[in-house]
Amino acid sequence: MRIMGLDYGSKTMGVAISDALQLTAQGIEIIRRKQENKLRQTLARIEELIGEYEVEKIVLGFPKNMNDTVGDRAEKSLALRETLERRTGLPVIMWDERLTTVSADKAMMEAGIRRENRKEYVDMIAAALILQGYLDSCRHTEA
């Protein structure tokens, strides 16, 4: 079984999936939508991916403010969590995603990806970083 990682943005949703051993995270796609509150097609695609990859759990990025408070974006993520749990029946773990977009951008810079192309991949890479952080945490607590 696999774990899905999600990076929820205002118009995109970065998606990552763990390997079957739940050791590594790979970004698989970015789901785009025209308006922030139009989630029906996004949720349908997530459900398709859950079936395709046999996902047993979802890790959703939780964008807390740097001072550890919960702002508007984090509130929207909490609402998405409830929707995902209701629609999929899977547990959704909220994972602190502070600075994952910055890390994703830095990784792409180091890989030599041109600035104009980075925007296209940043959400998918951020989702992979969110999921990898969770997977690493699980292994660390088991040791």
C-alpha atoms as a PDB file:
ATOM      1  CA  MET A   1       0.000   0.000   0.000  1.00  0.00           C
ATOM      2  CA  ARG A   2       1.070   3.557  -0.679  1.00  0.00           C
ATOM      3  CA  ILE A   3       0.696   7.003   0.839  1.00  0.00           C
ATOM      4  CA  MET A   4      -0.330  10.082  -1.145  1.00  0.00           C
ATOM      5  CA  GLY A   5       1.120  13.524  -0.464  1.00  0.00           C
ATOM      6  CA  LEU A   6      -0.746  16.685  -1.464  1.00  0.00           C
ATOM      7  CA  ASP A   7       0.360  20.305  -1.728  1.00  0.00           C
ATOM      8  CA  TYR A   8      -2.850  22.360  -1.861  1.00  0.00           C
ATOM      9  CA  GLY A   9      -2.501  25.695  -3.607  1.00  0.00           C
ATOM     10  CA  SER A  10      -5.034  28.299  -4.651  1.00  0.00           C
ATOM     11  CA  LYS A  11      -5.250  26.996  -8.240  1.00  0.00           C
ATOM     12  CA  THR A  12      -3.148  23.838  -8.212  1.00  0.00           C
ATOM     13  CA  MET A  13      -2.755  20.619  -6.268  1.00  0.00           C
ATOM     14  CA  GLY A  14       0.663  18.980  -6.315  1.00  0.00           C
ATOM     15  CA  VAL A  15       0.453  15.198  -5.958  1.00  0.00           C
ATOM     16  CA  ALA A  16       3.132  12.747  -4.817  1.00  0.00           C
ATOM     17  CA  ILE A  17       2.989   9.013  -4.121  1.00  0.00           C
ATOM     18  CA  SER A  18       5.215   6.835  -1.957  1.00  0.00           C
ATOM     19  CA  ASP A  19       6.807   3.658  -3.203  1.00  0.00           C
ATOM     20  CA  ALA A  20       5.218   0.401  -2.003  1.00  0.00           C
ATOM     21  CA  LEU A  21       7.684   0.146   0.918  1.00  0.00           C
ATOM     22  CA  GLN A  22       6.843   3.708   1.956  1.00  0.00           C
ATOM     23  CA  LEU A  23      10.485   4.765   1.867  1.00  0.00           C
ATOM     24  CA  THR A  24      10.532   7.370  -0.896  1.00  0.00           C
ATOM     25  CA  ALA A  25       8.164   9.939  -2.368  1.00  0.00           C
ATOM     26  CA  GLN A  26       7.833  10.703  -6.080  1.00  0.00           C
ATOM     27  CA  GLY A  27       5.950  13.640  -7.525  1.00  0.00           C
ATOM     28  CA  ILE A  28       3.457  12.370 -10.085  1.00  0.00           C
ATOM     29  CA  GLU A  29       1.348  15.296 -11.290  1.00  0.00           C
ATOM     30  CA  ILE A  30      -0.125  18.724 -10.774  1.00  0.00           C
ATOM     31  CA  ILE A  31      -3.891  19.048 -10.875  1.00  0.00           C
ATOM     32  CA  ARG A  32      -4.902  22.507 -12.132  1.00  0.00           C
ATOM     33  CA  ARG A  33      -8.208  24.284 -11.706  1.00  0.00           C
ATOM     34  CA  LYS A  34      -9.527  27.595 -12.984  1.00  0.00           C
ATOM     35  CA  GLN A  35     -10.953  28.841  -9.668  1.00  0.00           C
ATOM     36  CA  GLU A  36      -9.841  28.212  -6.106  1.00  0.00           C
ATOM     37  CA  ASN A  37     -13.198  27.015  -4.780  1.00  0.00           C
ATOM     38  CA  LYS A  38     -13.948  24.710  -7.749  1.00  0.00           C
ATOM     39  CA  LEU A  39     -12.719  21.403  -6.337  1.00  0.00           C
ATOM     40  CA  ARG A  40     -15.078  18.831  -7.856  1.00  0.00           C
ATOM     41  CA  GLN A  41     -12.782  17.766 -10.716  1.00  0.00           C
ATOM     42  CA  THR A  42      -9.716  17.955  -8.467  1.00  0.00           C
ATOM     43  CA  LEU A  43     -11.332  15.633  -5.915  1.00  0.00           C
ATOM     44  CA  ALA A  44     -12.443  13.252  -8.671  1.00  0.00           C
ATOM     45  CA  ARG A  45      -8.868  13.063  -9.978  1.00  0.00           C
ATOM     46  CA  ILE A  46      -7.519  12.431  -6.474  1.00  0.00           C
ATOM     47  CA  GLU A  47     -10.006   9.581  -6.082  1.00  0.00           C
ATOM     48  CA  GLU A  48      -8.837   8.103  -9.410  1.00  0.00           C
ATOM     49  CA  LEU A  49      -5.212   8.255  -8.279  1.00  0.00           C
ATOM     50  CA  ILE A  50      -6.096   6.664  -4.919  1.00  0.00           C
ATOM     51  CA  GLY A  51      -7.555   3.687  -6.775  1.00  0.00           C
ATOM     52  CA  GLU A  52      -4.744   3.506  -9.319  1.00  0.00           C
ATOM     53  CA  TYR A  53      -1.952   3.557  -6.713  1.00  0.00           C
ATOM     54  CA  GLU A  54      -3.818   1.680  -3.940  1.00  0.00           C
ATOM     55  CA  VAL A  55      -3.383   4.551  -1.491  1.00  0.00           C
ATOM     56  CA  GLU A  56      -4.137   3.845   2.171  1.00  0.00           C
ATOM     57  CA  LYS A  57      -3.416   7.263   3.681  1.00  0.00           C
ATOM     58  CA  ILE A  58      -3.116  10.905   2.597  1.00  0.00           C
ATOM     59  CA  VAL A  59      -0.611  13.453   3.893  1.00  0.00           C
ATOM     60  CA  LEU A  60      -1.811  17.006   3.280  1.00  0.00           C
ATOM     61  CA  GLY A  61       0.488  19.985   3.567  1.00  0.00           C
ATOM     62  CA  PHE A  62      -0.498  22.289   6.432  1.00  0.00           C
ATOM     63  CA  PRO A  63       0.716  25.828   5.632  1.00  0.00           C
ATOM     64  CA  LYS A  64       1.020  27.344   9.084  1.00  0.00           C
ATOM     65  CA  ASN A  65       2.430  30.831   9.405  1.00  0.00           C
ATOM     66  CA  MET A  66       6.077  31.156  10.370  1.00  0.00           C
ATOM     67  CA  ASN A  67       4.991  32.252  13.878  1.00  0.00           C
ATOM     68  CA  ASP A  68       3.070  28.935  14.208  1.00  0.00           C
ATOM     69  CA  THR A  69      -0.388  30.498  13.859  1.00  0.00           C
ATOM     70  CA  VAL A  70      -3.115  29.174  11.576  1.00  0.00           C
ATOM     71  CA  GLY A  71      -3.998  31.599   8.797  1.00  0.00           C
ATOM     72  CA  ASP A  72      -6.513  31.624   5.948  1.00  0.00           C
ATOM     73  CA  ARG A  73      -4.582  29.162   3.749  1.00  0.00           C
ATOM     74  CA  ALA A  74      -4.229  26.704   6.660  1.00  0.00           C
ATOM     75  CA  GLU A  75      -7.960  27.000   7.412  1.00  0.00           C
ATOM     76  CA  LYS A  76      -8.714  26.069   3.802  1.00  0.00           C
ATOM     77  CA  SER A  77      -6.406  23.070   4.129  1.00  0.00           C
ATOM     78  CA  LEU A  78      -8.271  21.922   7.244  1.00  0.00           C
ATOM     79  CA  ALA A  79     -11.561  22.190   5.345  1.00  0.00           C
ATOM     80  CA  LEU A  80     -10.051  20.166   2.490  1.00  0.00           C
ATOM     81  CA  ARG A  81      -8.969  17.536   5.008  1.00  0.00           C
ATOM     82  CA  GLU A  82     -12.571  17.063   6.133  1.00  0.00           C
ATOM     83  CA  THR A  83     -13.751  16.821   2.516  1.00  0.00           C
ATOM     84  CA  LEU A  84     -11.060  14.288   1.607  1.00  0.00           C
ATOM     85  CA  GLU A  85     -11.798  12.115   4.641  1.00  0.00           C
ATOM     86  CA  ARG A  86     -15.517  12.170   3.891  1.00  0.00           C
ATOM     87  CA  ARG A  87     -15.126  11.411   0.162  1.00  0.00           C
ATOM     88  CA  THR A  88     -12.334   8.847   0.307  1.00  0.00           C
ATOM     89  CA  GLY A  89     -12.806   7.221   3.712  1.00  0.00           C
ATOM     90  CA  LEU A  90      -9.021   7.477   4.188  1.00  0.00           C
ATOM     91  CA  PRO A  91      -7.188   9.093   7.094  1.00  0.00           C
ATOM     92  CA  VAL A  92      -5.686  12.486   6.222  1.00  0.00           C
ATOM     93  CA  ILE A  93      -2.620  13.575   8.188  1.00  0.00           C
ATOM     94  CA  MET A  94      -1.832  17.278   8.307  1.00  0.00           C
ATOM     95  CA  TRP A  95       1.910  17.874   7.812  1.00  0.00           C
ATOM     96  CA  ASP A  96       3.702  21.167   8.465  1.00  0.00           C
ATOM     97  CA  GLU A  97       4.757  22.403   5.044  1.00  0.00           C
ATOM     98  CA  ARG A  98       6.497  25.620   5.975  1.00  0.00           C
ATOM     99  CA  LEU A  99       9.290  26.363   3.517  1.00  0.00           C
ATOM    100  CA  THR A 100       8.610  23.338   1.264  1.00  0.00           C
ATOM    101  CA  THR A 101       7.947  25.587  -1.744  1.00  0.00           C
ATOM    102  CA  VAL A 102      11.206  27.413  -1.025  1.00  0.00           C
ATOM    103  CA  SER A 103      13.026  24.057  -0.780  1.00  0.00           C
ATOM    104  CA  ALA A 104      11.413  22.853  -4.000  1.00  0.00           C
ATOM    105  CA  ASP A 105      12.475  26.006  -5.819  1.00  0.00           C
ATOM    106  CA  LYS A 106      16.022  25.672  -4.467  1.00  0.00           C
ATOM    107  CA  ALA A 107      16.224  22.024  -5.565  1.00  0.00           C
ATOM    108  CA  MET A 108      15.142  22.988  -9.085  1.00  0.00           C
ATOM    109  CA  MET A 109      17.713  25.805  -9.187  1.00  0.00           C
ATOM    110  CA  GLU A 110      20.436  23.358  -8.161  1.00  0.00           C
ATOM    111  CA  ALA A 111      19.234  20.942 -10.857  1.00  0.00           C
ATOM    112  CA  GLY A 112      19.608  23.689 -13.452  1.00  0.00           C
ATOM    113  CA  ILE A 113      15.918  24.062 -14.262  1.00  0.00           C
ATOM    114  CA  ARG A 114      15.326  27.456 -15.810  1.00  0.00           C
ATOM    115  CA  ARG A 115      13.333  29.994 -13.811  1.00  0.00           C
ATOM    116  CA  GLU A 116      10.470  30.165 -16.314  1.00  0.00           C
ATOM    117  CA  ASN A 117      10.052  26.369 -16.121  1.00  0.00           C
ATOM    118  CA  ARG A 118      10.188  26.093 -12.327  1.00  0.00           C
ATOM    119  CA  LYS A 119       6.634  27.341 -11.747  1.00  0.00           C
ATOM    120  CA  GLU A 120       5.363  24.392 -13.723  1.00  0.00           C
ATOM    121  CA  TYR A 121       6.856  21.823 -11.328  1.00  0.00           C
ATOM    122  CA  VAL A 122       7.085  23.523  -7.937  1.00  0.00           C
ATOM    123  CA  ASP A 123       3.781  22.196  -6.537  1.00  0.00           C
ATOM    124  CA  MET A 124       4.552  18.606  -7.497  1.00  0.00           C
ATOM    125  CA  ILE A 125       8.022  18.801  -5.962  1.00  0.00           C
ATOM    126  CA  ALA A 126       6.592  20.467  -2.840  1.00  0.00           C
ATOM    127  CA  ALA A 127       4.115  17.565  -2.530  1.00  0.00           C
ATOM    128  CA  ALA A 128       7.019  15.114  -2.750  1.00  0.00           C
ATOM    129  CA  LEU A 129       8.913  17.046  -0.047  1.00  0.00           C
ATOM    130  CA  ILE A 130       5.843  17.055   2.220  1.00  0.00           C
ATOM    131  CA  LEU A 131       5.382  13.321   1.778  1.00  0.00           C
ATOM    132  CA  GLN A 132       9.097  12.552   2.147  1.00  0.00           C
ATOM    133  CA  GLY A 133       9.186  14.509   5.415  1.00  0.00           C
ATOM    134  CA  TYR A 134       6.303  12.420   6.712  1.00  0.00           C
ATOM    135  CA  LEU A 135       7.870   9.129   5.555  1.00  0.00           C
ATOM    136  CA  ASP A 136      11.213  10.036   7.153  1.00  0.00           C
ATOM    137  CA  SER A 137       9.421  10.946  10.390  1.00  0.00           C
ATOM    138  CA  CYS A 138       7.655   7.567  10.466  1.00  0.00           C
ATOM    139  CA  ARG A 139      10.944   5.690  10.022  1.00  0.00           C
ATOM    140  CA  HIS A 140      12.633   7.832  12.661  1.00  0.00           C
ATOM    141  CA  THR A 141       9.938   7.159  15.275  1.00  0.00           C
ATOM    142  CA  GLU A 142       9.999   3.418  14.537  1.00  0.00           C
ATOM    143  CA  ALA A 143      13.773   3.177  15.132  1.00  0.00           C
END
